[in-house]
């Protein structure tokens, strides 16, 4: 369990460098003006490091009491990687 938490959090840290580049480029969505979709897109991308930090802290707290809860909470940032990161990577290939 500890190994999974450590390895997944290392993956999250490694994903912050591409996140920084994608977050900077996400502001180009405002080129055609402000809209709810554009703002939501930038906020969704911008919340990744916040989610990583909060979920990592909560996962290590829950690790002592509820191991399954720690696993579920630790996988929440993986949603950003799967929903936003993988499609953006495949588009750029």
PDB file of N, CA and C in Angstrom:
ATOM      1  N   UNK A   1       0.823  -1.193   0.000  1.00  0.00           N
ATOM      2  CA  UNK A   1       0.000   0.000   0.000  1.00  0.00           C
ATOM      3  C   UNK A   1       0.866   1.256   0.000  1.00  0.00           C
ATOM      4  N   UNK A   2       1.886   1.260   0.848  1.00  0.00           N
ATOM      5  CA  UNK A   2       2.770   2.426   0.893  1.00  0.00           C
ATOM      6  C   UNK A   2       3.508   2.592  -0.423  1.00  0.00           C
ATOM      7  N   UNK A   3       3.884   1.470  -1.026  1.00  0.00           N
ATOM      8  CA  UNK A   3       4.600   1.537  -2.298  1.00  0.00           C
ATOM      9  C   UNK A   3       3.710   2.151  -3.376  1.00  0.00           C
ATOM     10  N   UNK A   4       2.425   1.752  -3.397  1.00  0.00           N
ATOM     11  CA  UNK A   4       1.505   2.326  -4.372  1.00  0.00           C
ATOM     12  C   UNK A   4       1.339   3.824  -4.162  1.00  0.00           C
ATOM     13  N   UNK A   5       1.185   4.245  -2.921  1.00  0.00           N
ATOM     14  CA  UNK A   5       1.039   5.672  -2.636  1.00  0.00           C
ATOM     15  C   UNK A   5       2.269   6.450  -3.092  1.00  0.00           C
ATOM     16  N   UNK A   6       3.436   5.942  -2.790  1.00  0.00           N
ATOM     17  CA  UNK A   6       4.675   6.636  -3.158  1.00  0.00           C
ATOM     18  C   UNK A   6       4.840   6.683  -4.673  1.00  0.00           C
ATOM     19  N   UNK A   7       4.629   5.551  -5.353  1.00  0.00           N
ATOM     20  CA  UNK A   7       4.807   5.518  -6.801  1.00  0.00           C
ATOM     21  C   UNK A   7       3.795   6.398  -7.535  1.00  0.00           C
ATOM     22  N   UNK A   8       2.553   6.365  -7.090  1.00  0.00           N
ATOM     23  CA  UNK A   8       1.553   7.201  -7.757  1.00  0.00           C
ATOM     24  C   UNK A   8       1.826   8.686  -7.509  1.00  0.00           C
ATOM     25  N   UNK A   9       2.324   9.035  -6.345  1.00  0.00           N
ATOM     26  CA  UNK A   9       2.618  10.430  -6.077  1.00  0.00           C
ATOM     27  C   UNK A   9       3.868  10.891  -6.820  1.00  0.00           C
ATOM     28  N   UNK A  10       4.798   9.995  -7.065  1.00  0.00           N
ATOM     29  CA  UNK A  10       5.938  10.332  -7.922  1.00  0.00           C
ATOM     30  C   UNK A  10       5.457  10.587  -9.344  1.00  0.00           C
ATOM     31  N   UNK A  11       4.509   9.776  -9.815  1.00  0.00           N
ATOM     32  CA  UNK A  11       3.924  10.007 -11.143  1.00  0.00           C
ATOM     33  C   UNK A  11       3.238  11.361 -11.203  1.00  0.00           C
ATOM     34  N   UNK A  12       2.511  11.725 -10.153  1.00  0.00           N
ATOM     35  CA  UNK A  12       1.841  13.025 -10.122  1.00  0.00           C
ATOM     36  C   UNK A  12       2.851  14.168 -10.183  1.00  0.00           C
ATOM     37  N   UNK A  13       3.960  14.025  -9.487  1.00  0.00           N
ATOM     38  CA  UNK A  13       4.999  15.068  -9.513  1.00  0.00           C
ATOM     39  C   UNK A  13       5.624  15.154 -10.896  1.00  0.00           C
ATOM     40  N   UNK A  14       5.862  14.005 -11.534  1.00  0.00           N
ATOM     41  CA  UNK A  14       6.429  14.013 -12.879  1.00  0.00           C
ATOM     42  C   UNK A  14       5.476  14.632 -13.901  1.00  0.00           C
ATOM     43  N   UNK A  15       4.183  14.542 -13.634  1.00  0.00           N
ATOM     44  CA  UNK A  15       3.190  15.115 -14.553  1.00  0.00           C
ATOM     45  C   UNK A  15       3.022  16.622 -14.371  1.00  0.00           C
ATOM     46  N   UNK A  16       3.646  17.201 -13.361  1.00  0.00           N
ATOM     47  CA  UNK A  16       3.495  18.641 -13.162  1.00  0.00           C
ATOM     48  C   UNK A  16       4.277  19.461 -14.190  1.00  0.00           C
ATOM     49  N   UNK A  17       5.374  18.939 -14.731  1.00  0.00           N
ATOM     50  CA  UNK A  17       6.107  19.677 -15.759  1.00  0.00           C
ATOM     51  C   UNK A  17       5.286  19.794 -17.043  1.00  0.00           C
ATOM     52  N   UNK A  18       4.745  18.699 -17.588  1.00  0.00           N
ATOM     53  CA  UNK A  18       3.863  18.875 -18.747  1.00  0.00           C
ATOM     54  C   UNK A  18       2.616  19.683 -18.404  1.00  0.00           C
ATOM     55  N   UNK A  19       2.157  19.560 -17.164  1.00  0.00           N
ATOM     56  CA  UNK A  19       0.984  20.334 -16.753  1.00  0.00           C
ATOM     57  C   UNK A  19       1.274  21.827 -16.867  1.00  0.00           C
ATOM     58  N   UNK A  20       2.449  22.248 -16.459  1.00  0.00           N
ATOM     59  CA  UNK A  20       2.799  23.660 -16.508  1.00  0.00           C
ATOM     60  C   UNK A  20       2.749  24.185 -17.937  1.00  0.00           C
ATOM     61  N   UNK A  21       3.237  23.414 -18.879  1.00  0.00           N
ATOM     62  CA  UNK A  21       3.215  23.818 -20.280  1.00  0.00           C
ATOM     63  C   UNK A  21       1.776  23.865 -20.795  1.00  0.00           C
ATOM     64  N   UNK A  22       0.997  22.843 -20.484  1.00  0.00           N
ATOM     65  CA  UNK A  22      -0.395  22.799 -20.946  1.00  0.00           C
ATOM     66  C   UNK A  22      -1.212  23.893 -20.283  1.00  0.00           C
ATOM     67  N   UNK A  23      -0.949  24.175 -19.024  1.00  0.00           N
ATOM     68  CA  UNK A  23      -1.679  25.239 -18.333  1.00  0.00           C
ATOM     69  C   UNK A  23      -1.380  26.590 -18.964  1.00  0.00           C
ATOM     70  N   UNK A  24      -0.134  26.825 -19.315  1.00  0.00           N
ATOM     71  CA  UNK A  24       0.214  28.080 -19.981  1.00  0.00           C
ATOM     72  C   UNK A  24      -0.448  28.206 -21.339  1.00  0.00           C
ATOM     73  N   UNK A  25      -0.511  27.104 -22.064  1.00  0.00           N
ATOM     74  CA  UNK A  25      -1.146  27.146 -23.384  1.00  0.00           C
ATOM     75  C   UNK A  25      -2.665  27.205 -23.295  1.00  0.00           C
ATOM     76  N   UNK A  26      -3.237  26.779 -22.170  1.00  0.00           N
ATOM     77  CA  UNK A  26      -4.693  26.773 -22.047  1.00  0.00           C
ATOM     78  C   UNK A  26      -5.279  28.179 -22.084  1.00  0.00           C
ATOM     79  N   UNK A  27      -4.460  29.180 -21.763  1.00  0.00           N
ATOM     80  CA  UNK A  27      -4.966  30.552 -21.807  1.00  0.00           C
ATOM     81  C   UNK A  27      -5.222  31.025 -23.231  1.00  0.00           C
ATOM     82  N   UNK A  28      -4.717  30.289 -24.214  1.00  0.00           N
ATOM     83  CA  UNK A  28      -5.016  30.623 -25.599  1.00  0.00           C
ATOM     84  C   UNK A  28      -6.481  30.385 -25.940  1.00  0.00           C
ATOM     85  N   UNK A  29      -7.184  29.657 -25.087  1.00  0.00           N
ATOM     86  CA  UNK A  29      -8.610  29.442 -25.344  1.00  0.00           C
ATOM     87  C   UNK A  29      -9.400  30.741 -25.219  1.00  0.00           C
ATOM     88  N   UNK A  30      -8.785  31.771 -24.639  1.00  0.00           N
ATOM     89  CA  UNK A  30      -9.457  33.062 -24.520  1.00  0.00           C
ATOM     90  C   UNK A  30      -9.240  33.949 -25.747  1.00  0.00           C
ATOM     91  N   UNK A  31      -8.578  33.438 -26.773  1.00  0.00           N
ATOM     92  CA  UNK A  31      -8.328  34.237 -27.968  1.00  0.00           C
ATOM     93  C   UNK A  31      -9.619  34.681 -28.651  1.00  0.00           C
ATOM     94  N   UNK A  32     -10.642  33.855 -28.587  1.00  0.00           N
ATOM     95  CA  UNK A  32     -11.918  34.204 -29.210  1.00  0.00           C
ATOM     96  C   UNK A  32     -12.895  34.817 -28.217  1.00  0.00           C
ATOM     97  N   UNK A  33     -12.415  35.241 -27.087  1.00  0.00           N
ATOM     98  CA  UNK A  33     -13.267  35.865 -26.084  1.00  0.00           C
ATOM     99  C   UNK A  33     -13.495  34.954 -24.892  1.00  0.00           C
ATOM    100  N   UNK A  34     -14.132  35.526 -23.887  1.00  0.00           N
ATOM    101  CA  UNK A  34     -14.411  34.784 -22.670  1.00  0.00           C
ATOM    102  C   UNK A  34     -15.745  34.068 -22.800  1.00  0.00           C
ATOM    103  N   UNK A  35     -15.778  32.867 -22.335  1.00  0.00           N
ATOM    104  CA  UNK A  35     -17.003  32.083 -22.321  1.00  0.00           C
ATOM    105  C   UNK A  35     -16.944  31.102 -21.168  1.00  0.00           C
ATOM    106  N   UNK A  36     -18.084  30.538 -20.846  1.00  0.00           N
ATOM    107  CA  UNK A  36     -18.146  29.596 -19.732  1.00  0.00           C
ATOM    108  C   UNK A  36     -17.274  28.377 -20.001  1.00  0.00           C
ATOM    109  N   UNK A  37     -17.281  27.890 -21.217  1.00  0.00           N
ATOM    110  CA  UNK A  37     -16.458  26.733 -21.570  1.00  0.00           C
ATOM    111  C   UNK A  37     -14.979  27.026 -21.444  1.00  0.00           C
ATOM    112  N   UNK A  38     -14.557  28.210 -21.889  1.00  0.00           N
ATOM    113  CA  UNK A  38     -13.138  28.579 -21.816  1.00  0.00           C
ATOM    114  C   UNK A  38     -12.670  28.699 -20.368  1.00  0.00           C
ATOM    115  N   UNK A  39     -13.464  29.375 -19.576  1.00  0.00           N
ATOM    116  CA  UNK A  39     -13.117  29.561 -18.160  1.00  0.00           C
ATOM    117  C   UNK A  39     -13.094  28.217 -17.441  1.00  0.00           C
ATOM    118  N   UNK A  40     -14.070  27.368 -17.711  1.00  0.00           N
ATOM    119  CA  UNK A  40     -14.115  26.046 -17.081  1.00  0.00           C
ATOM    120  C   UNK A  40     -12.910  25.205 -17.467  1.00  0.00           C
ATOM    121  N   UNK A  41     -12.501  25.292 -18.730  1.00  0.00           N
ATOM    122  CA  UNK A  41     -11.344  24.544 -19.217  1.00  0.00           C
ATOM    123  C   UNK A  41     -10.074  24.967 -18.490  1.00  0.00           C
ATOM    124  N   UNK A  42      -9.849  26.266 -18.370  1.00  0.00           N
ATOM    125  CA  UNK A  42      -8.642  26.769 -17.706  1.00  0.00           C
ATOM    126  C   UNK A  42      -8.666  26.436 -16.216  1.00  0.00           C
ATOM    127  N   UNK A  43      -9.811  26.562 -15.581  1.00  0.00           N
ATOM    128  CA  UNK A  43      -9.917  26.235 -14.158  1.00  0.00           C
ATOM    129  C   UNK A  43      -9.692  24.745 -13.930  1.00  0.00           C
ATOM    130  N   UNK A  44     -10.252  23.902 -14.805  1.00  0.00           N
ATOM    131  CA  UNK A  44     -10.073  22.451 -14.659  1.00  0.00           C
ATOM    132  C   UNK A  44      -8.601  22.072 -14.766  1.00  0.00           C
ATOM    133  N   UNK A  45      -7.888  22.683 -15.675  1.00  0.00           N
ATOM    134  CA  UNK A  45      -6.464  22.403 -15.810  1.00  0.00           C
ATOM    135  C   UNK A  45      -5.687  23.000 -14.638  1.00  0.00           C
ATOM    136  N   UNK A  46      -6.061  24.184 -14.206  1.00  0.00           N
ATOM    137  CA  UNK A  46      -5.352  24.857 -13.124  1.00  0.00           C
ATOM    138  C   UNK A  46      -5.506  24.204 -11.769  1.00  0.00           C
ATOM    139  N   UNK A  47      -6.549  23.420 -11.579  1.00  0.00           N
ATOM    140  CA  UNK A  47      -6.783  22.791 -10.278  1.00  0.00           C
ATOM    141  C   UNK A  47      -5.997  21.499 -10.070  1.00  0.00           C
ATOM    142  N   UNK A  48      -5.270  21.046 -11.076  1.00  0.00           N
ATOM    143  CA  UNK A  48      -4.523  19.784 -10.946  1.00  0.00           C
ATOM    144  C   UNK A  48      -3.533  19.794  -9.775  1.00  0.00           C
ATOM    145  N   UNK A  49      -2.641  20.784  -9.651  1.00  0.00           N
ATOM    146  CA  UNK A  49      -1.692  20.713  -8.522  1.00  0.00           C
ATOM    147  C   UNK A  49      -2.371  20.859  -7.169  1.00  0.00           C
ATOM    148  N   UNK A  50      -3.472  21.587  -7.114  1.00  0.00           N
ATOM    149  CA  UNK A  50      -4.225  21.711  -5.862  1.00  0.00           C
ATOM    150  C   UNK A  50      -4.800  20.352  -5.478  1.00  0.00           C
ATOM    151  N   UNK A  51      -5.367  19.655  -6.463  1.00  0.00           N
ATOM    152  CA  UNK A  51      -5.934  18.335  -6.204  1.00  0.00           C
ATOM    153  C   UNK A  51      -4.849  17.345  -5.786  1.00  0.00           C
ATOM    154  N   UNK A  52      -3.693  17.422  -6.433  1.00  0.00           N
ATOM    155  CA  UNK A  52      -2.587  16.524  -6.069  1.00  0.00           C
ATOM    156  C   UNK A  52      -2.172  16.754  -4.625  1.00  0.00           C
ATOM    157  N   UNK A  53      -1.977  17.988  -4.252  1.00  0.00           N
ATOM    158  CA  UNK A  53      -1.526  18.304  -2.903  1.00  0.00           C
ATOM    159  C   UNK A  53      -2.547  17.865  -1.851  1.00  0.00           C
ATOM    160  N   UNK A  54      -3.792  18.231  -2.055  1.00  0.00           N
ATOM    161  CA  UNK A  54      -4.838  17.907  -1.076  1.00  0.00           C
ATOM    162  C   UNK A  54      -5.054  16.395  -0.988  1.00  0.00           C
ATOM    163  N   UNK A  55      -5.120  15.734  -2.138  1.00  0.00           N
ATOM    164  CA  UNK A  55      -5.369  14.290  -2.130  1.00  0.00           C
ATOM    165  C   UNK A  55      -4.196  13.509  -1.547  1.00  0.00           C
ATOM    166  N   UNK A  56      -2.986  13.970  -1.783  1.00  0.00           N
ATOM    167  CA  UNK A  56      -1.825  13.284  -1.203  1.00  0.00           C
ATOM    168  C   UNK A  56      -1.833  13.391   0.321  1.00  0.00           C
ATOM    169  N   UNK A  57      -2.132  14.556   0.818  1.00  0.00           N
ATOM    170  CA  UNK A  57      -2.188  14.738   2.273  1.00  0.00           C
ATOM    171  C   UNK A  57      -3.294  13.889   2.887  1.00  0.00           C
ATOM    172  N   UNK A  58      -4.474  13.931   2.283  1.00  0.00           N
ATOM    173  CA  UNK A  58      -5.599  13.151   2.821  1.00  0.00           C
ATOM    174  C   UNK A  58      -5.319  11.652   2.713  1.00  0.00           C
ATOM    175  N   UNK A  59      -4.686  11.216   1.621  1.00  0.00           N
ATOM    176  CA  UNK A  59      -4.385   9.785   1.455  1.00  0.00           C
ATOM    177  C   UNK A  59      -3.440   9.288   2.534  1.00  0.00           C
ATOM    178  N   UNK A  60      -2.424  10.092   2.880  1.00  0.00           N
ATOM    179  CA  UNK A  60      -1.501   9.647   3.919  1.00  0.00           C
ATOM    180  C   UNK A  60      -2.156   9.675   5.301  1.00  0.00           C
ATOM    181  N   UNK A  61      -3.086  10.573   5.516  1.00  0.00           N
ATOM    182  CA  UNK A  61      -3.816  10.579   6.795  1.00  0.00           C
ATOM    183  C   UNK A  61      -4.722   9.355   6.876  1.00  0.00           C
ATOM    184  N   UNK A  62      -5.413   9.058   5.771  1.00  0.00           N
ATOM    185  CA  UNK A  62      -6.319   7.909   5.758  1.00  0.00           C
ATOM    186  C   UNK A  62      -5.572   6.579   5.728  1.00  0.00           C
ATOM    187  N   UNK A  63      -4.330   6.598   5.312  1.00  0.00           N
ATOM    188  CA  UNK A  63      -3.548   5.368   5.219  1.00  0.00           C
ATOM    189  C   UNK A  63      -3.484   4.639   6.567  1.00  0.00           C
ATOM    190  N   UNK A  64      -3.471   5.386   7.639  1.00  0.00           N
ATOM    191  CA  UNK A  64      -3.393   4.789   8.973  1.00  0.00           C
ATOM    192  C   UNK A  64      -4.723   4.126   9.343  1.00  0.00           C
ATOM    193  N   UNK A  65      -5.838   4.764   9.001  1.00  0.00           N
ATOM    194  CA  UNK A  65      -7.147   4.283   9.440  1.00  0.00           C
ATOM    195  C   UNK A  65      -7.852   3.426   8.391  1.00  0.00           C
ATOM    196  N   UNK A  66      -8.020   3.987   7.194  1.00  0.00           N
ATOM    197  CA  UNK A  66      -8.801   3.315   6.149  1.00  0.00           C
ATOM    198  C   UNK A  66      -7.955   3.199   4.889  1.00  0.00           C
ATOM    199  N   UNK A  67      -7.429   2.017   4.660  1.00  0.00           N
ATOM    200  CA  UNK A  67      -6.535   1.830   3.516  1.00  0.00           C
ATOM    201  C   UNK A  67      -7.274   1.959   2.189  1.00  0.00           C
ATOM    202  N   UNK A  68      -8.479   1.446   2.115  1.00  0.00           N
ATOM    203  CA  UNK A  68      -9.242   1.539   0.862  1.00  0.00           C
ATOM    204  C   UNK A  68      -9.602   2.982   0.562  1.00  0.00           C
ATOM    205  N   UNK A  69      -9.964   3.740   1.562  1.00  0.00           N
ATOM    206  CA  UNK A  69     -10.260   5.158   1.377  1.00  0.00           C
ATOM    207  C   UNK A  69      -9.040   5.929   0.913  1.00  0.00           C
ATOM    208  N   UNK A  70      -7.872   5.570   1.436  1.00  0.00           N
ATOM    209  CA  UNK A  70      -6.629   6.213   1.014  1.00  0.00           C
ATOM    210  C   UNK A  70      -6.349   5.924  -0.450  1.00  0.00           C
ATOM    211  N   UNK A  71      -6.617   4.712  -0.877  1.00  0.00           N
ATOM    212  CA  UNK A  71      -6.408   4.339  -2.271  1.00  0.00           C
ATOM    213  C   UNK A  71      -7.324   5.127  -3.190  1.00  0.00           C
ATOM    214  N   UNK A  72      -8.585   5.242  -2.829  1.00  0.00           N
ATOM    215  CA  UNK A  72      -9.551   5.973  -3.660  1.00  0.00           C
ATOM    216  C   UNK A  72      -9.203   7.453  -3.724  1.00  0.00           C
ATOM    217  N   UNK A  73      -8.889   8.050  -2.594  1.00  0.00           N
ATOM    218  CA  UNK A  73      -8.540   9.476  -2.569  1.00  0.00           C
ATOM    219  C   UNK A  73      -7.264   9.733  -3.358  1.00  0.00           C
ATOM    220  N   UNK A  74      -6.314   8.831  -3.289  1.00  0.00           N
ATOM    221  CA  UNK A  74      -5.052   9.009  -4.002  1.00  0.00           C
ATOM    222  C   UNK A  74      -5.227   8.901  -5.511  1.00  0.00           C
ATOM    223  N   UNK A  75      -6.275   8.229  -5.969  1.00  0.00           N
ATOM    224  CA  UNK A  75      -6.504   8.088  -7.407  1.00  0.00           C
ATOM    225  C   UNK A  75      -7.283   9.254  -8.017  1.00  0.00           C
ATOM    226  N   UNK A  76      -7.761  10.182  -7.222  1.00  0.00           N
ATOM    227  CA  UNK A  76      -8.517  11.317  -7.758  1.00  0.00           C
ATOM    228  C   UNK A  76      -7.691  12.156  -8.737  1.00  0.00           C
ATOM    229  N   UNK A  77      -6.432  12.497  -8.452  1.00  0.00           N
ATOM    230  CA  UNK A  77      -5.659  13.256  -9.447  1.00  0.00           C
ATOM    231  C   UNK A  77      -5.404  12.486 -10.749  1.00  0.00           C
ATOM    232  N   UNK A  78      -5.529  11.177 -10.699  1.00  0.00           N
ATOM    233  CA  UNK A  78      -5.368  10.382 -11.912  1.00  0.00           C
ATOM    234  C   UNK A  78      -6.462  10.715 -12.929  1.00  0.00           C
ATOM    235  N   UNK A  79      -7.598  11.221 -12.451  1.00  0.00           N
ATOM    236  CA  UNK A  79      -8.660  11.627 -13.369  1.00  0.00           C
ATOM    237  C   UNK A  79      -8.191  12.745 -14.294  1.00  0.00           C
ATOM    238  N   UNK A  80      -7.416  13.698 -13.762  1.00  0.00           N
ATOM    239  CA  UNK A  80      -6.876  14.769 -14.600  1.00  0.00           C
ATOM    240  C   UNK A  80      -5.949  14.194 -15.669  1.00  0.00           C
ATOM    241  N   UNK A  81      -5.146  13.236 -15.278  1.00  0.00           N
ATOM    242  CA  UNK A  81      -4.197  12.656 -16.225  1.00  0.00           C
ATOM    243  C   UNK A  81      -4.936  11.883 -17.315  1.00  0.00           C
ATOM    244  N   UNK A  82      -5.944  11.121 -16.928  1.00  0.00           N
ATOM    245  CA  UNK A  82      -6.662  10.313 -17.901  1.00  0.00           C
ATOM    246  C   UNK A  82      -7.618  11.124 -18.766  1.00  0.00           C
ATOM    247  N   UNK A  83      -8.321  12.081 -18.171  1.00  0.00           N
ATOM    248  CA  UNK A  83      -9.332  12.834 -18.911  1.00  0.00           C
ATOM    249  C   UNK A  83      -8.723  13.966 -19.727  1.00  0.00           C
ATOM    250  N   UNK A  84      -7.732  14.651 -19.196  1.00  0.00           N
ATOM    251  CA  UNK A  84      -7.133  15.782 -19.912  1.00  0.00           C
ATOM    252  C   UNK A  84      -5.767  15.450 -20.512  1.00  0.00           C
ATOM    253  N   UNK A  85      -4.945  14.761 -19.770  1.00  0.00           N
ATOM    254  CA  UNK A  85      -3.570  14.546 -20.199  1.00  0.00           C
ATOM    255  C   UNK A  85      -3.419  13.605 -21.365  1.00  0.00           C
ATOM    256  N   UNK A  86      -4.064  12.452 -21.313  1.00  0.00           N
ATOM    257  CA  UNK A  86      -3.931  11.466 -22.380  1.00  0.00           C
ATOM    258  C   UNK A  86      -4.488  11.985 -23.705  1.00  0.00           C
ATOM    259  N   UNK A  87      -5.702  12.562 -23.745  1.00  0.00           N
ATOM    260  CA  UNK A  87      -6.178  13.087 -25.035  1.00  0.00           C
ATOM    261  C   UNK A  87      -5.299  14.221 -25.585  1.00  0.00           C
ATOM    262  N   UNK A  88      -4.832  15.112 -24.709  1.00  0.00           N
ATOM    263  CA  UNK A  88      -3.966  16.187 -25.197  1.00  0.00           C
ATOM    264  C   UNK A  88      -2.649  15.644 -25.716  1.00  0.00           C
ATOM    265  N   UNK A  89      -2.128  14.613 -25.089  1.00  0.00           N
ATOM    266  CA  UNK A  89      -0.905  13.977 -25.572  1.00  0.00           C
ATOM    267  C   UNK A  89      -1.129  13.310 -26.927  1.00  0.00           C
ATOM    268  N   UNK A  90      -2.254  12.619 -27.077  1.00  0.00           N
ATOM    269  CA  UNK A  90      -2.542  11.941 -28.337  1.00  0.00           C
ATOM    270  C   UNK A  90      -2.814  12.920 -29.469  1.00  0.00           C
ATOM    271  N   UNK A  91      -3.375  14.063 -29.167  1.00  0.00           N
ATOM    272  CA  UNK A  91      -3.613  15.083 -30.189  1.00  0.00           C
ATOM    273  C   UNK A  91      -2.298  15.638 -30.703  1.00  0.00           C
ATOM    274  N   UNK A  92      -1.331  15.776 -29.816  1.00  0.00           N
ATOM    275  CA  UNK A  92      -0.042  16.376 -30.187  1.00  0.00           C
ATOM    276  C   UNK A  92       0.921  15.399 -30.842  1.00  0.00           C
ATOM    277  N   UNK A  93       0.603  14.125 -30.866  1.00  0.00           N
ATOM    278  CA  UNK A  93       1.516  13.152 -31.495  1.00  0.00           C
ATOM    279  C   UNK A  93       1.396  13.246 -32.994  1.00  0.00           C
TER     280      UNK A  93
END
